Amino acid sequence: MCTQLAVAGDAVLLSPACASWGMFP
């Protein structure tokens, strides 16, 4: 979804403000 929403000149930032537990160790 992020790659579809972003266009040249944008940034995609993974900065979740949450712990990863439940989806990742």
mmCIF file of all heavy atoms, coordinates in Angstrom:
data_MODEL
# 
_entry.id   MODEL 
# 
loop_
_atom_site.group_PDB 
_atom_site.id 
_atom_site.type_symbol 
_atom_site.label_atom_id 
_atom_site.label_alt_id 
_atom_site.label_comp_id 
_atom_site.label_asym_id 
_atom_site.label_entity_id 
_atom_site.label_seq_id 
_atom_site.pdbx_PDB_ins_code 
_atom_site.Cartn_x 
_atom_site.Cartn_y 
_atom_site.Cartn_z 
_atom_site.occupancy 
_atom_site.B_iso_or_equiv 
_atom_site.pdbx_formal_charge 
_atom_site.auth_seq_id 
_atom_site.auth_comp_id 
_atom_site.auth_asym_id 
_atom_site.auth_atom_id 
_atom_site.pdbx_PDB_model_num 
ATOM 1   N N   . MET A 1 1  ? 0.832  -1.199  0.000  1.00 0.00 ? 1  MET A N   1 
ATOM 2   C CA  . MET A 1 1  ? 0.000  0.000   0.000  1.00 0.00 ? 1  MET A CA  1 
ATOM 3   C C   . MET A 1 1  ? 0.873  1.258   0.000  1.00 0.00 ? 1  MET A C   1 
ATOM 4   O O   . MET A 1 1  ? 0.600  2.226   -0.721 1.00 0.00 ? 1  MET A O   1 
ATOM 5   C CB  . MET A 1 1  ? -0.921 -0.028  1.219  1.00 0.00 ? 1  MET A CB  1 
ATOM 6   C CG  . MET A 1 1  ? -1.990 1.050   1.233  1.00 0.00 ? 1  MET A CG  1 
ATOM 7   S SD  . MET A 1 1  ? -3.017 0.932   2.735  1.00 0.00 ? 1  MET A SD  1 
ATOM 8   C CE  . MET A 1 1  ? -3.755 -0.702  2.521  1.00 0.00 ? 1  MET A CE  1 
ATOM 9   N N   . CYS A 1 2  ? 1.932  1.233   0.796  1.00 0.00 ? 2  CYS A N   1 
ATOM 10  C CA  . CYS A 1 2  ? 2.813  2.402   0.872  1.00 0.00 ? 2  CYS A CA  1 
ATOM 11  C C   . CYS A 1 2  ? 3.485  2.693   -0.464 1.00 0.00 ? 2  CYS A C   1 
ATOM 12  O O   . CYS A 1 2  ? 3.599  3.862   -0.864 1.00 0.00 ? 2  CYS A O   1 
ATOM 13  C CB  . CYS A 1 2  ? 3.875  2.183   1.950  1.00 0.00 ? 2  CYS A CB  1 
ATOM 14  S SG  . CYS A 1 2  ? 3.232  2.232   3.629  1.00 0.00 ? 2  CYS A SG  1 
ATOM 15  N N   . THR A 1 3  ? 3.938  1.666   -1.152 1.00 0.00 ? 3  THR A N   1 
ATOM 16  C CA  . THR A 1 3  ? 4.589  1.885   -2.445 1.00 0.00 ? 3  THR A CA  1 
ATOM 17  C C   . THR A 1 3  ? 3.594  2.419   -3.474 1.00 0.00 ? 3  THR A C   1 
ATOM 18  O O   . THR A 1 3  ? 3.978  3.162   -4.386 1.00 0.00 ? 3  THR A O   1 
ATOM 19  C CB  . THR A 1 3  ? 5.229  0.588   -2.964 1.00 0.00 ? 3  THR A CB  1 
ATOM 20  O OG1 . THR A 1 3  ? 4.233  -0.428  -3.104 1.00 0.00 ? 3  THR A OG1 1 
ATOM 21  C CG2 . THR A 1 3  ? 6.299  0.091   -1.997 1.00 0.00 ? 3  THR A CG2 1 
ATOM 22  N N   . GLN A 1 4  ? 2.330  2.060   -3.320 1.00 0.00 ? 4  GLN A N   1 
ATOM 23  C CA  . GLN A 1 4  ? 1.309  2.573   -4.237 1.00 0.00 ? 4  GLN A CA  1 
ATOM 24  C C   . GLN A 1 4  ? 0.944  4.028   -3.940 1.00 0.00 ? 4  GLN A C   1 
ATOM 25  O O   . GLN A 1 4  ? 0.649  4.809   -4.845 1.00 0.00 ? 4  GLN A O   1 
ATOM 26  C CB  . GLN A 1 4  ? 0.059  1.699   -4.159 1.00 0.00 ? 4  GLN A CB  1 
ATOM 27  C CG  . GLN A 1 4  ? 0.264  0.284   -4.677 1.00 0.00 ? 4  GLN A CG  1 
ATOM 28  C CD  . GLN A 1 4  ? -0.883 -0.646  -4.324 1.00 0.00 ? 4  GLN A CD  1 
ATOM 29  O OE1 . GLN A 1 4  ? -1.805 -0.277  -3.596 1.00 0.00 ? 4  GLN A OE1 1 
ATOM 30  N NE2 . GLN A 1 4  ? -0.830 -1.878  -4.836 1.00 0.00 ? 4  GLN A NE2 1 
ATOM 31  N N   . LEU A 1 5  ? 0.993  4.404   -2.663 1.00 0.00 ? 5  LEU A N   1 
ATOM 32  C CA  . LEU A 1 5  ? 0.594  5.757   -2.260 1.00 0.00 ? 5  LEU A CA  1 
ATOM 33  C C   . LEU A 1 5  ? 1.703  6.785   -2.473 1.00 0.00 ? 5  LEU A C   1 
ATOM 34  O O   . LEU A 1 5  ? 1.420  7.960   -2.697 1.00 0.00 ? 5  LEU A O   1 
ATOM 35  C CB  . LEU A 1 5  ? 0.180  5.757   -0.783 1.00 0.00 ? 5  LEU A CB  1 
ATOM 36  C CG  . LEU A 1 5  ? -1.084 4.985   -0.429 1.00 0.00 ? 5  LEU A CG  1 
ATOM 37  C CD1 . LEU A 1 5  ? -1.235 4.887   1.090  1.00 0.00 ? 5  LEU A CD1 1 
ATOM 38  C CD2 . LEU A 1 5  ? -2.314 5.656   -1.041 1.00 0.00 ? 5  LEU A CD2 1 
ATOM 39  N N   . ALA A 1 6  ? 2.938  6.353   -2.387 1.00 0.00 ? 6  ALA A N   1 
ATOM 40  C CA  . ALA A 1 6  ? 4.068  7.285   -2.489 1.00 0.00 ? 6  ALA A CA  1 
ATOM 41  C C   . ALA A 1 6  ? 4.416  7.562   -3.947 1.00 0.00 ? 6  ALA A C   1 
ATOM 42  O O   . ALA A 1 6  ? 4.332  6.674   -4.797 1.00 0.00 ? 6  ALA A O   1 
ATOM 43  C CB  . ALA A 1 6  ? 5.277  6.706   -1.767 1.00 0.00 ? 6  ALA A CB  1 
ATOM 44  N N   . VAL A 1 7  ? 4.814  8.795   -4.223 1.00 0.00 ? 7  VAL A N   1 
ATOM 45  C CA  . VAL A 1 7  ? 5.270  9.192   -5.559 1.00 0.00 ? 7  VAL A CA  1 
ATOM 46  C C   . VAL A 1 7  ? 6.663  9.794   -5.426 1.00 0.00 ? 7  VAL A C   1 
ATOM 47  O O   . VAL A 1 7  ? 7.138  10.085  -4.324 1.00 0.00 ? 7  VAL A O   1 
ATOM 48  C CB  . VAL A 1 7  ? 4.307  10.210  -6.208 1.00 0.00 ? 7  VAL A CB  1 
ATOM 49  C CG1 . VAL A 1 7  ? 2.924  9.607   -6.368 1.00 0.00 ? 7  VAL A CG1 1 
ATOM 50  C CG2 . VAL A 1 7  ? 4.236  11.491  -5.382 1.00 0.00 ? 7  VAL A CG2 1 
ATOM 51  N N   . ALA A 1 8  ? 7.327  9.964   -6.556 1.00 0.00 ? 8  ALA A N   1 
ATOM 52  C CA  . ALA A 1 8  ? 8.677  10.524  -6.554 1.00 0.00 ? 8  ALA A CA  1 
ATOM 53  C C   . ALA A 1 8  ? 8.710  11.835  -5.767 1.00 0.00 ? 8  ALA A C   1 
ATOM 54  O O   . ALA A 1 8  ? 7.844  12.691  -5.938 1.00 0.00 ? 8  ALA A O   1 
ATOM 55  C CB  . ALA A 1 8  ? 9.155  10.746  -7.981 1.00 0.00 ? 8  ALA A CB  1 
ATOM 56  N N   . GLY A 1 9  ? 9.701  11.957  -4.897 1.00 0.00 ? 9  GLY A N   1 
ATOM 57  C CA  . GLY A 1 9  ? 9.804  13.132  -4.044 1.00 0.00 ? 9  GLY A CA  1 
ATOM 58  C C   . GLY A 1 9  ? 9.262  12.926  -2.649 1.00 0.00 ? 9  GLY A C   1 
ATOM 59  O O   . GLY A 1 9  ? 9.479  13.756  -1.767 1.00 0.00 ? 9  GLY A O   1 
ATOM 60  N N   . ASP A 1 10 ? 8.548  11.799  -2.439 1.00 0.00 ? 10 ASP A N   1 
ATOM 61  C CA  . ASP A 1 10 ? 8.002  11.465  -1.124 1.00 0.00 ? 10 ASP A CA  1 
ATOM 62  C C   . ASP A 1 10 ? 8.995  10.614  -0.334 1.00 0.00 ? 10 ASP A C   1 
ATOM 63  O O   . ASP A 1 10 ? 10.024 10.165  -0.856 1.00 0.00 ? 10 ASP A O   1 
ATOM 64  C CB  . ASP A 1 10 ? 6.704  10.667  -1.252 1.00 0.00 ? 10 ASP A CB  1 
ATOM 65  C CG  . ASP A 1 10 ? 5.546  11.490  -1.773 1.00 0.00 ? 10 ASP A CG  1 
ATOM 66  O OD1 . ASP A 1 10 ? 5.682  12.724  -1.869 1.00 0.00 ? 10 ASP A OD1 1 
ATOM 67  O OD2 . ASP A 1 10 ? 4.501  10.885  -2.102 1.00 0.00 ? 10 ASP A OD2 1 
ATOM 68  N N   . ALA A 1 11 ? 8.654  10.387  0.926  1.00 0.00 ? 11 ALA A N   1 
ATOM 69  C CA  . ALA A 1 11 ? 9.359  9.414   1.761  1.00 0.00 ? 11 ALA A CA  1 
ATOM 70  C C   . ALA A 1 11 ? 8.349  8.417   2.289  1.00 0.00 ? 11 ALA A C   1 
ATOM 71  O O   . ALA A 1 11 ? 7.174  8.743   2.483  1.00 0.00 ? 11 ALA A O   1 
ATOM 72  C CB  . ALA A 1 11 ? 10.073 10.103  2.915  1.00 0.00 ? 11 ALA A CB  1 
ATOM 73  N N   . VAL A 1 12 ? 8.806  7.191   2.523  1.00 0.00 ? 12 VAL A N   1 
ATOM 74  C CA  . VAL A 1 12 ? 8.034  6.191   3.250  1.00 0.00 ? 12 VAL A CA  1 
ATOM 75  C C   . VAL A 1 12 ? 8.806  5.917   4.531  1.00 0.00 ? 12 VAL A C   1 
ATOM 76  O O   . VAL A 1 12 ? 9.983  5.538   4.489  1.00 0.00 ? 12 VAL A O   1 
ATOM 77  C CB  . VAL A 1 12 ? 7.839  4.893   2.441  1.00 0.00 ? 12 VAL A CB  1 
ATOM 78  C CG1 . VAL A 1 12 ? 7.206  3.808   3.321  1.00 0.00 ? 12 VAL A CG1 1 
ATOM 79  C CG2 . VAL A 1 12 ? 6.969  5.147   1.218  1.00 0.00 ? 12 VAL A CG2 1 
ATOM 80  N N   . LEU A 1 13 ? 8.147  6.113   5.656  1.00 0.00 ? 13 LEU A N   1 
ATOM 81  C CA  . LEU A 1 13 ? 8.798  5.992   6.954  1.00 0.00 ? 13 LEU A CA  1 
ATOM 82  C C   . LEU A 1 13 ? 8.111  4.940   7.809  1.00 0.00 ? 13 LEU A C   1 
ATOM 83  O O   . LEU A 1 13 ? 6.929  5.051   8.130  1.00 0.00 ? 13 LEU A O   1 
ATOM 84  C CB  . LEU A 1 13 ? 8.758  7.339   7.684  1.00 0.00 ? 13 LEU A CB  1 
ATOM 85  C CG  . LEU A 1 13 ? 9.224  7.362   9.142  1.00 0.00 ? 13 LEU A CG  1 
ATOM 86  C CD1 . LEU A 1 13 ? 10.711 7.025   9.247  1.00 0.00 ? 13 LEU A CD1 1 
ATOM 87  C CD2 . LEU A 1 13 ? 8.920  8.717   9.779  1.00 0.00 ? 13 LEU A CD2 1 
ATOM 88  N N   . LEU A 1 14 ? 8.863  3.904   8.174  1.00 0.00 ? 14 LEU A N   1 
ATOM 89  C CA  . LEU A 1 14 ? 8.403  2.947   9.177  1.00 0.00 ? 14 LEU A CA  1 
ATOM 90  C C   . LEU A 1 14 ? 8.826  3.484   10.541 1.00 0.00 ? 14 LEU A C   1 
ATOM 91  O O   . LEU A 1 14 ? 9.996  3.439   10.907 1.00 0.00 ? 14 LEU A O   1 
ATOM 92  C CB  . LEU A 1 14 ? 9.033  1.575   8.935  1.00 0.00 ? 14 LEU A CB  1 
ATOM 93  C CG  . LEU A 1 14 ? 8.845  0.536   10.063 1.00 0.00 ? 14 LEU A CG  1 
ATOM 94  C CD1 . LEU A 1 14 ? 7.385  0.166   10.222 1.00 0.00 ? 14 LEU A CD1 1 
ATOM 95  C CD2 . LEU A 1 14 ? 9.702  -0.698  9.821  1.00 0.00 ? 14 LEU A CD2 1 
ATOM 96  N N   . SER A 1 15 ? 7.871  4.034   11.265 1.00 0.00 ? 15 SER A N   1 
ATOM 97  C CA  . SER A 1 15 ? 8.132  4.571   12.609 1.00 0.00 ? 15 SER A CA  1 
ATOM 98  C C   . SER A 1 15 ? 6.849  4.387   13.409 1.00 0.00 ? 15 SER A C   1 
ATOM 99  O O   . SER A 1 15 ? 6.097  5.335   13.621 1.00 0.00 ? 15 SER A O   1 
ATOM 100 C CB  . SER A 1 15 ? 8.544  6.049   12.525 1.00 0.00 ? 15 SER A CB  1 
ATOM 101 O OG  . SER A 1 15 ? 8.992  6.530   13.763 1.00 0.00 ? 15 SER A OG  1 
ATOM 102 N N   . PRO A 1 16 ? 6.584  3.167   13.872 1.00 0.00 ? 16 PRO A N   1 
ATOM 103 C CA  . PRO A 1 16 ? 5.229  2.766   14.281 1.00 0.00 ? 16 PRO A CA  1 
ATOM 104 C C   . PRO A 1 16 ? 4.697  3.353   15.575 1.00 0.00 ? 16 PRO A C   1 
ATOM 105 O O   . PRO A 1 16 ? 3.494  3.286   15.829 1.00 0.00 ? 16 PRO A O   1 
ATOM 106 C CB  . PRO A 1 16 ? 5.354  1.244   14.392 1.00 0.00 ? 16 PRO A CB  1 
ATOM 107 C CG  . PRO A 1 16 ? 6.606  0.885   13.651 1.00 0.00 ? 16 PRO A CG  1 
ATOM 108 C CD  . PRO A 1 16 ? 7.508  2.045   13.848 1.00 0.00 ? 16 PRO A CD  1 
ATOM 109 N N   . ALA A 1 17 ? 5.582  3.861   16.445 1.00 0.00 ? 17 ALA A N   1 
ATOM 110 C CA  . ALA A 1 17 ? 5.161  4.383   17.756 1.00 0.00 ? 17 ALA A CA  1 
ATOM 111 C C   . ALA A 1 17 ? 4.584  3.289   18.644 1.00 0.00 ? 17 ALA A C   1 
ATOM 112 O O   . ALA A 1 17 ? 3.921  3.575   19.638 1.00 0.00 ? 17 ALA A O   1 
ATOM 113 C CB  . ALA A 1 17 ? 4.151  5.526   17.603 1.00 0.00 ? 17 ALA A CB  1 
ATOM 114 N N   . CYS A 1 18 ? 4.821  2.039   18.272 1.00 0.00 ? 18 CYS A N   1 
ATOM 115 C CA  . CYS A 1 18 ? 4.281  0.888   19.008 1.00 0.00 ? 18 CYS A CA  1 
ATOM 116 C C   . CYS A 1 18 ? 5.287  -0.251  18.987 1.00 0.00 ? 18 CYS A C   1 
ATOM 117 O O   . CYS A 1 18 ? 6.124  -0.352  18.079 1.00 0.00 ? 18 CYS A O   1 
ATOM 118 C CB  . CYS A 1 18 ? 2.986  0.384   18.366 1.00 0.00 ? 18 CYS A CB  1 
ATOM 119 S SG  . CYS A 1 18 ? 1.631  1.570   18.370 1.00 0.00 ? 18 CYS A SG  1 
ATOM 120 N N   . ALA A 1 19 ? 5.170  -1.134  19.968 1.00 0.00 ? 19 ALA A N   1 
ATOM 121 C CA  . ALA A 1 19 ? 5.987  -2.342  19.983 1.00 0.00 ? 19 ALA A CA  1 
ATOM 122 C C   . ALA A 1 19 ? 5.566  -3.269  18.851 1.00 0.00 ? 19 ALA A C   1 
ATOM 123 O O   . ALA A 1 19 ? 4.481  -3.136  18.280 1.00 0.00 ? 19 ALA A O   1 
ATOM 124 C CB  . ALA A 1 19 ? 5.843  -3.050  21.332 1.00 0.00 ? 19 ALA A CB  1 
ATOM 125 N N   . SER A 1 20 ? 6.439  -4.191  18.527 1.00 0.00 ? 20 SER A N   1 
ATOM 126 C CA  . SER A 1 20 ? 6.208  -5.097  17.397 1.00 0.00 ? 20 SER A CA  1 
ATOM 127 C C   . SER A 1 20 ? 5.480  -6.373  17.784 1.00 0.00 ? 20 SER A C   1 
ATOM 128 O O   . SER A 1 20 ? 5.017  -7.117  16.915 1.00 0.00 ? 20 SER A O   1 
ATOM 129 C CB  . SER A 1 20 ? 7.556  -5.480  16.774 1.00 0.00 ? 20 SER A CB  1 
ATOM 130 O OG  . SER A 1 20 ? 8.370  -6.128  17.751 1.00 0.00 ? 20 SER A OG  1 
ATOM 131 N N   . TRP A 1 21 ? 5.367  -6.651  19.078 1.00 0.00 ? 21 TRP A N   1 
ATOM 132 C CA  . TRP A 1 21 ? 4.790  -7.920  19.542 1.00 0.00 ? 21 TRP A CA  1 
ATOM 133 C C   . TRP A 1 21 ? 3.386  -8.127  18.973 1.00 0.00 ? 21 TRP A C   1 
ATOM 134 O O   . TRP A 1 21 ? 2.621  -7.196  18.800 1.00 0.00 ? 21 TRP A O   1 
ATOM 135 C CB  . TRP A 1 21 ? 4.729  -7.936  21.065 1.00 0.00 ? 21 TRP A CB  1 
ATOM 136 C CG  . TRP A 1 21 ? 6.040  -7.612  21.701 1.00 0.00 ? 21 TRP A CG  1 
ATOM 137 C CD1 . TRP A 1 21 ? 7.281  -8.024  21.297 1.00 0.00 ? 21 TRP A CD1 1 
ATOM 138 C CD2 . TRP A 1 21 ? 6.262  -6.765  22.828 1.00 0.00 ? 21 TRP A CD2 1 
ATOM 139 N NE1 . TRP A 1 21 ? 8.246  -7.502  22.106 1.00 0.00 ? 21 TRP A NE1 1 
ATOM 140 C CE2 . TRP A 1 21 ? 7.659  -6.719  23.058 1.00 0.00 ? 21 TRP A CE2 1 
ATOM 141 C CE3 . TRP A 1 21 ? 5.417  -6.051  23.680 1.00 0.00 ? 21 TRP A CE3 1 
ATOM 142 C CZ2 . TRP A 1 21 ? 8.228  -5.988  24.095 1.00 0.00 ? 21 TRP A CZ2 1 
ATOM 143 C CZ3 . TRP A 1 21 ? 5.978  -5.315  24.710 1.00 0.00 ? 21 TRP A CZ3 1 
ATOM 144 C CH2 . TRP A 1 21 ? 7.368  -5.300  24.917 1.00 0.00 ? 21 TRP A CH2 1 
ATOM 145 N N   . GLY A 1 22 ? 3.097  -9.382  18.694 1.00 0.00 ? 22 GLY A N   1 
ATOM 146 C CA  . GLY A 1 22 ? 1.804  -9.729  18.117 1.00 0.00 ? 22 GLY A CA  1 
ATOM 147 C C   . GLY A 1 22 ? 1.917  -9.974  16.630 1.00 0.00 ? 22 GLY A C   1 
ATOM 148 O O   . GLY A 1 22 ? 1.213  -10.821 16.077 1.00 0.00 ? 22 GLY A O   1 
ATOM 149 N N   . MET A 1 23 ? 2.838  -9.236  15.973 1.00 0.00 ? 23 MET A N   1 
ATOM 150 C CA  . MET A 1 23 ? 3.101  -9.446  14.551 1.00 0.00 ? 23 MET A CA  1 
ATOM 151 C C   . MET A 1 23 ? 4.531  -9.921  14.323 1.00 0.00 ? 23 MET A C   1 
ATOM 152 O O   . MET A 1 23 ? 4.805  -10.613 13.341 1.00 0.00 ? 23 MET A O   1 
ATOM 153 C CB  . MET A 1 23 ? 2.855  -8.155  13.760 1.00 0.00 ? 23 MET A CB  1 
ATOM 154 C CG  . MET A 1 23 ? 1.424  -7.656  13.798 1.00 0.00 ? 23 MET A CG  1 
ATOM 155 S SD  . MET A 1 23 ? 1.169  -6.155  12.804 1.00 0.00 ? 23 MET A SD  1 
ATOM 156 C CE  . MET A 1 23 ? 1.181  -6.833  11.153 1.00 0.00 ? 23 MET A CE  1 
ATOM 157 N N   . PHE A 1 24 ? 5.444  -9.535  15.231 1.00 0.00 ? 24 PHE A N   1 
ATOM 158 C CA  . PHE A 1 24 ? 6.858  -9.865  15.099 1.00 0.00 ? 24 PHE A CA  1 
ATOM 159 C C   . PHE A 1 24 ? 7.430  -10.205 16.475 1.00 0.00 ? 24 PHE A C   1 
ATOM 160 O O   . PHE A 1 24 ? 6.925  -9.729  17.494 1.00 0.00 ? 24 PHE A O   1 
ATOM 161 C CB  . PHE A 1 24 ? 7.649  -8.679  14.519 1.00 0.00 ? 24 PHE A CB  1 
ATOM 162 C CG  . PHE A 1 24 ? 7.102  -8.146  13.233 1.00 0.00 ? 24 PHE A CG  1 
ATOM 163 C CD1 . PHE A 1 24 ? 6.188  -7.103  13.238 1.00 0.00 ? 24 PHE A CD1 1 
ATOM 164 C CD2 . PHE A 1 24 ? 7.485  -8.689  12.023 1.00 0.00 ? 24 PHE A CD2 1 
ATOM 165 C CE1 . PHE A 1 24 ? 5.672  -6.607  12.065 1.00 0.00 ? 24 PHE A CE1 1 
ATOM 166 C CE2 . PHE A 1 24 ? 6.972  -8.200  10.839 1.00 0.00 ? 24 PHE A CE2 1 
ATOM 167 C CZ  . PHE A 1 24 ? 6.060  -7.155  10.847 1.00 0.00 ? 24 PHE A CZ  1 
ATOM 168 N N   . PRO A 1 25 ? 8.510  -10.974 16.518 1.00 0.00 ? 25 PRO A N   1 
ATOM 169 C CA  . PRO A 1 25 ? 9.125  -11.267 17.814 1.00 0.00 ? 25 PRO A CA  1 
ATOM 170 C C   . PRO A 1 25 ? 9.809  -10.057 18.444 1.00 0.00 ? 25 PRO A C   1 
ATOM 171 O O   . PRO A 1 25 ? 9.933  -9.969  19.660 1.00 0.00 ? 25 PRO A O   1 
ATOM 172 C CB  . PRO A 1 25 ? 10.142 -12.375 17.495 1.00 0.00 ? 25 PRO A CB  1 
ATOM 173 C CG  . PRO A 1 25 ? 10.390 -12.268 16.027 1.00 0.00 ? 25 PRO A CG  1 
ATOM 174 C CD  . PRO A 1 25 ? 9.115  -11.756 15.422 1.00 0.00 ? 25 PRO A CD  1 
# 
